[in-house]
Amino acid sequence: MTDRGPEPTDESALYVFAVCRAPDPKVFACLPGVAVGEPLRLLRFGELTAIVQTVPAADFTDEVWQARMADRDELERYARAHHHVVSAAASTCPTVPLPLATLYHDEERTRQALCGETERFRAALERTAGHSEWGVKAYSADPQQPAQGPTVRRTEAAAAGRARATPGAGLAYLERKRGVQAQREQRHEDALRLAESVDAAFQGLAAAGRRLRLQATEPESKDRVQVLNATYLVPERRAAELETLARTLREATGARIEVSGPWVPYSFVGEV
């Protein structure tokens, strides 16, 4: 939806943070947005309202933005500023957050572009009204170490050496190898079953859910492996049930289950 257009010099652009039904302008009074000195304001288009801010267009050219994306601290600063505005809007009314750095040349183009997406905004607002996003991560109950490390390799090497001299040792070595492989496969199947059971339980509370890519295990959690990384759209009236469910699943499975939230439902507004 971004419309950067020609490379600007001293021109301004309109940065769009989110689309809402009826936001309270007072919640934005003290927020700086992404441009120092320019107030946040409301831009009506039809029945909906966008939260916008006038920004120097030269700060958002493709070249400048690519450089900013390569600077982790600078990118985080913009992302936090963007999120603070979205969260403030969501605290007062149903809100559809727009992607970071959504810009247009002027108000006329902004209204035209947003009006063209009215139906999608309306559908997203109806889907997420009265809901929040919650993250759930589950980690396997048992250690999942790769092939038991050097000790096993030394034992296997010794067994292979004995196989050359001891009748039947080769068969025993192969059987041990098959056993190690069978253990790996069993751990994998157990992890899949754990992920499916935890996901199904949280789906029972949620209006919608999404499975995300698994993340690398943190060093302090190296004795466990992440088996589920998911996010759920949960009715606000059922939010109190989440921790109870997580505790029940921990006791039933022995797994570590982490619940985080509530968040603005970024994952459930669709491509807008």
Protein backbone atom coordinates (compact mmCIF):
# COMPACT_ATOMS: atom_id res chain seq x y z
CA MET A 1 0.00 0.00 0.00
CA THR A 2 3.01 2.28 0.31
CA ASP A 3 3.22 5.01 -2.32
CA ARG A 4 6.64 6.64 -2.16
CA GLY A 5 6.63 7.88 -5.74
CA PRO A 6 9.50 10.01 -7.11
CA GLU A 7 12.54 10.65 -4.97
CA PRO A 8 11.56 13.74 -2.95
CA THR A 9 13.69 16.63 -1.71
CA ASP A 10 11.92 19.16 0.53
CA GLU A 11 8.46 17.64 0.09
CA SER A 12 6.40 16.11 2.85
CA ALA A 13 4.54 12.82 2.88
CA LEU A 14 1.73 11.33 4.91
CA TYR A 15 2.61 8.39 7.17
CA VAL A 16 -0.34 6.12 8.01
CA PHE A 17 -0.19 4.08 11.23
CA ALA A 18 -3.57 2.41 11.47
CA VAL A 19 -7.22 2.43 10.48
CA CYS A 20 -9.95 2.58 13.14
CA ARG A 21 -13.64 3.11 13.55
CA ALA A 22 -13.79 5.96 16.08
CA PRO A 23 -10.46 6.62 17.82
CA ASP A 24 -10.20 9.07 20.69
CA PRO A 25 -7.80 11.86 19.58
CA LYS A 26 -6.80 12.56 23.19
CA VAL A 27 -4.83 9.29 23.43
CA PHE A 28 -2.40 10.54 20.75
CA ALA A 29 -1.77 13.97 22.27
CA CYS A 30 1.53 13.02 23.93
CA LEU A 31 2.84 10.52 21.39
CA PRO A 32 5.65 11.68 19.08
CA GLY A 33 4.95 9.20 16.29
CA VAL A 34 7.88 8.85 13.90
CA ALA A 35 8.51 12.55 13.19
CA VAL A 36 9.57 15.00 15.90
CA GLY A 37 7.50 18.20 15.99
CA GLU A 38 4.60 17.00 13.85
CA PRO A 39 1.40 16.07 15.68
CA LEU A 40 -0.54 12.91 15.03
CA ARG A 41 -3.97 13.54 13.55
CA LEU A 42 -7.08 11.80 12.30
CA LEU A 43 -7.96 11.48 8.62
CA ARG A 44 -11.54 10.48 7.86
CA PHE A 45 -12.38 8.43 4.79
CA GLY A 46 -15.97 7.29 4.55
CA GLU A 47 -17.04 5.58 7.78
CA LEU A 48 -13.48 4.90 8.91
CA THR A 49 -10.58 6.94 10.28
CA ALA A 50 -6.84 6.70 9.71
CA ILE A 51 -4.18 7.77 12.22
CA VAL A 52 -1.65 9.81 10.23
CA GLN A 53 1.36 12.10 10.60
CA THR A 54 3.06 14.46 8.19
CA VAL A 55 6.72 13.46 7.79
CA PRO A 56 9.67 14.69 5.70
CA ALA A 57 9.52 12.64 2.51
CA ALA A 58 13.30 12.73 2.23
CA ASP A 59 13.50 10.60 5.40
CA PHE A 60 11.64 7.76 3.68
CA THR A 61 13.17 7.42 0.25
CA ASP A 62 14.05 3.86 -0.74
CA GLU A 63 17.75 4.56 -0.22
CA VAL A 64 17.28 6.07 3.24
CA TRP A 65 14.83 3.38 4.33
CA GLN A 66 17.12 0.56 3.20
CA ALA A 67 19.95 2.10 5.21
CA ARG A 68 17.65 2.40 8.22
CA MET A 69 16.65 -1.24 7.95
CA ALA A 70 20.32 -2.18 8.13
CA ASP A 71 20.70 -0.25 11.39
CA ARG A 72 19.11 -2.43 14.07
CA ASP A 73 18.83 0.29 16.71
CA GLU A 74 17.35 2.82 14.31
CA LEU A 75 14.87 0.32 12.89
CA GLU A 76 13.81 -0.69 16.39
CA ARG A 77 13.23 2.95 17.29
CA TYR A 78 10.87 3.40 14.33
CA ALA A 79 9.14 0.09 14.99
CA ARG A 80 8.52 1.01 18.63
CA ALA A 81 7.19 4.45 17.70
CA HIS A 82 4.86 2.87 15.16
CA HIS A 83 3.67 0.23 17.64
CA HIS A 84 3.00 2.80 20.38
CA VAL A 85 0.63 4.69 18.09
CA VAL A 86 -1.14 1.48 17.01
CA SER A 87 -1.47 0.33 20.63
CA ALA A 88 -2.88 3.68 21.70
CA ALA A 89 -5.52 3.46 18.98
CA ALA A 90 -6.36 -0.14 19.87
CA SER A 91 -6.86 0.83 23.52
CA THR A 92 -9.88 2.92 22.53
CA CYS A 93 -11.49 1.07 19.60
CA PRO A 94 -11.05 -1.80 17.09
CA THR A 95 -7.93 -1.08 15.07
CA VAL A 96 -6.23 -2.41 11.94
CA PRO A 97 -2.46 -1.75 12.14
CA LEU A 98 -0.79 -0.90 8.85
CA PRO A 99 2.73 -2.07 7.96
CA LEU A 100 5.74 -0.04 9.08
CA ALA A 101 6.49 2.87 6.71
CA THR A 102 3.15 3.06 4.89
CA LEU A 103 3.32 6.46 3.17
CA TYR A 104 1.53 8.52 0.52
CA HIS A 105 2.34 11.79 -1.21
CA ASP A 106 -0.63 13.75 0.11
CA GLU A 107 -4.08 13.54 1.71
CA GLU A 108 -5.92 13.11 -1.59
CA ARG A 109 -3.87 10.05 -2.59
CA THR A 110 -4.12 8.69 0.94
CA ARG A 111 -7.91 8.92 0.93
CA GLN A 112 -8.14 7.35 -2.51
CA ALA A 113 -5.92 4.42 -1.55
CA LEU A 114 -7.63 3.82 1.79
CA CYS A 115 -11.12 4.10 0.33
CA GLY A 116 -10.19 1.41 -2.17
CA GLU A 117 -9.48 -0.95 0.75
CA THR A 118 -12.58 -0.09 2.80
CA GLU A 119 -14.17 -3.53 2.52
CA ARG A 120 -11.00 -5.27 3.64
CA PHE A 121 -10.60 -2.87 6.57
CA ARG A 122 -14.22 -3.40 7.57
CA ALA A 123 -13.84 -7.18 7.46
CA ALA A 124 -10.66 -7.05 9.56
CA LEU A 125 -12.27 -4.76 12.13
CA GLU A 126 -15.29 -7.04 12.45
CA ARG A 127 -13.06 -10.11 12.79
CA THR A 128 -10.82 -8.66 15.51
CA ALA A 129 -13.25 -6.48 17.51
CA GLY A 130 -13.35 -7.65 21.12
CA HIS A 131 -10.32 -9.91 20.58
CA SER A 132 -6.62 -9.76 21.39
CA GLU A 133 -3.63 -11.67 20.05
CA TRP A 134 -1.79 -14.07 22.36
CA GLY A 135 1.44 -15.95 21.70
CA VAL A 136 2.02 -19.53 22.83
CA LYS A 137 5.33 -21.41 22.76
CA ALA A 138 5.73 -25.04 23.80
CA TYR A 139 8.98 -26.87 24.50
CA SER A 140 9.45 -30.64 24.58
CA ALA A 141 9.20 -32.37 27.94
CA ASP A 142 12.36 -34.46 27.41
CA PRO A 143 15.90 -33.51 26.38
CA GLN A 144 16.50 -33.97 22.67
CA GLN A 145 20.25 -34.29 22.34
CA PRO A 146 21.79 -35.27 18.98
CA ALA A 147 22.91 -38.91 18.98
CA GLN A 148 24.31 -38.72 22.54
CA GLY A 149 27.49 -36.93 21.42
CA PRO A 150 31.15 -38.06 21.47
CA THR A 151 30.75 -40.91 24.00
CA VAL A 152 28.39 -42.80 21.73
CA ARG A 153 30.59 -42.13 18.72
CA ARG A 154 33.62 -43.56 20.54
CA THR A 155 31.58 -46.58 21.63
CA GLU A 156 30.36 -47.10 18.07
CA ALA A 157 33.91 -46.80 16.74
CA ALA A 158 35.10 -49.38 19.24
CA ALA A 159 32.24 -51.66 18.30
CA ALA A 160 33.12 -51.29 14.64
CA GLY A 161 36.71 -52.23 15.46
CA ARG A 162 35.61 -55.32 17.38
CA ALA A 163 33.33 -56.25 14.51
CA ARG A 164 36.39 -57.03 12.41
CA ALA A 165 37.58 -59.59 14.93
CA THR A 166 34.52 -60.83 16.83
CA PRO A 167 31.89 -62.97 15.10
CA GLY A 168 28.45 -61.36 15.34
CA ALA A 169 29.78 -57.99 16.51
CA GLY A 170 28.90 -56.36 13.17
CA LEU A 171 25.26 -57.34 13.56
CA ALA A 172 25.18 -55.96 17.11
CA TYR A 173 26.70 -52.70 15.88
CA LEU A 174 24.00 -52.35 13.20
CA GLU A 175 21.30 -53.09 15.74
CA ARG A 176 22.64 -50.33 18.00
CA LYS A 177 22.64 -47.92 15.04
CA ARG A 178 19.04 -48.86 14.27
CA GLY A 179 18.18 -48.29 17.93
CA VAL A 180 19.63 -44.78 17.87
CA GLN A 181 17.68 -44.00 14.71
CA ALA A 182 14.50 -45.41 16.21
CA GLN A 183 14.96 -43.19 19.27
CA ARG A 184 15.36 -40.12 17.06
CA GLU A 185 12.21 -40.99 15.14
CA GLN A 186 10.31 -41.59 18.37
CA ARG A 187 11.39 -38.21 19.78
CA HIS A 188 10.30 -36.55 16.55
CA GLU A 189 6.90 -38.23 16.67
CA ASP A 190 6.48 -37.32 20.34
CA ALA A 191 7.29 -33.69 19.54
CA LEU A 192 4.72 -33.62 16.74
CA ARG A 193 2.05 -35.11 18.99
CA LEU A 194 2.85 -32.60 21.75
CA ALA A 195 2.63 -29.67 19.32
CA GLU A 196 -0.67 -30.91 17.90
CA SER A 197 -2.24 -31.47 21.32
CA VAL A 198 -1.19 -28.06 22.68
CA ASP A 199 -2.30 -26.30 19.49
CA ALA A 200 -5.68 -28.08 19.51
CA ALA A 201 -6.26 -27.09 23.14
CA PHE A 202 -5.60 -23.40 22.50
CA GLN A 203 -7.58 -23.46 19.26
CA GLY A 204 -10.52 -24.47 21.44
CA LEU A 205 -10.33 -21.10 23.19
CA ALA A 206 -9.48 -19.02 20.14
CA ALA A 207 -11.44 -17.57 17.27
CA ALA A 208 -8.45 -18.21 15.02
CA GLY A 209 -4.86 -19.40 15.27
CA ARG A 210 -1.65 -19.40 13.25
CA ARG A 211 1.36 -21.69 13.50
CA LEU A 212 4.62 -19.77 13.13
CA ARG A 213 8.12 -20.91 12.26
CA LEU A 214 9.89 -22.59 15.16
CA GLN A 215 12.63 -20.54 16.78
CA ALA A 216 16.12 -21.57 17.78
CA THR A 217 16.38 -22.76 21.37
CA GLU A 218 17.90 -20.24 23.78
CA PRO A 219 21.21 -21.28 25.40
CA GLU A 220 19.61 -21.40 28.86
CA SER A 221 16.97 -23.81 27.48
CA LYS A 222 19.30 -26.13 25.59
CA ASP A 223 17.89 -29.17 27.39
CA ARG A 224 14.53 -28.61 25.68
CA VAL A 225 13.47 -28.07 22.08
CA GLN A 226 10.72 -25.77 20.88
CA VAL A 227 7.93 -27.79 19.28
CA LEU A 228 5.24 -25.10 18.89
CA ASN A 229 5.38 -21.40 18.12
CA ALA A 230 1.86 -20.12 17.54
CA THR A 231 -0.37 -17.11 17.92
CA TYR A 232 -4.09 -17.05 18.68
CA LEU A 233 -6.92 -14.56 18.32
CA VAL A 234 -8.74 -14.87 21.63
CA PRO A 235 -12.00 -13.20 22.73
CA GLU A 236 -11.22 -10.79 25.55
CA ARG A 237 -13.90 -12.44 27.72
CA ARG A 238 -11.89 -15.70 27.62
CA ALA A 239 -8.42 -14.26 28.19
CA ALA A 240 -8.40 -15.33 31.85
CA GLU A 241 -8.71 -18.98 30.74
CA LEU A 242 -5.39 -18.98 28.90
CA GLU A 243 -3.08 -19.35 31.88
CA THR A 244 -5.36 -21.96 33.43
CA LEU A 245 -5.20 -23.96 30.22
CA ALA A 246 -1.42 -23.58 30.02
CA ARG A 247 -1.05 -24.81 33.61
CA THR A 248 -3.28 -27.82 32.92
CA LEU A 249 -1.24 -28.73 29.83
CA ARG A 250 2.06 -28.35 31.71
CA GLU A 251 0.85 -30.76 34.38
CA ALA A 252 -0.51 -33.24 31.84
CA THR A 253 2.48 -33.29 29.48
CA GLY A 254 5.50 -32.14 31.48
CA ALA A 255 6.22 -29.65 28.70
CA ARG A 256 7.19 -26.03 29.23
CA ILE A 257 4.45 -23.80 27.83
CA GLU A 258 4.82 -20.01 27.66
CA VAL A 259 1.92 -17.61 27.08
CA SER A 260 2.49 -13.96 26.14
CA GLY A 261 0.09 -11.10 25.47
CA PRO A 262 -2.31 -9.51 25.03
CA TRP A 263 -1.19 -7.85 21.81
CA VAL A 264 -2.81 -5.85 19.06
CA PRO A 265 -3.97 -8.55 16.58
CA TYR A 266 -1.32 -7.86 13.93
CA SER A 267 -1.38 -11.48 12.73
CA PHE A 268 -5.12 -11.55 12.04
CA VAL A 269 -5.89 -8.42 10.05
CA GLY A 270 -4.90 -9.91 6.69
CA GLU A 271 -2.91 -8.23 3.94
CA VAL A 272 -3.83 -4.55 4.16
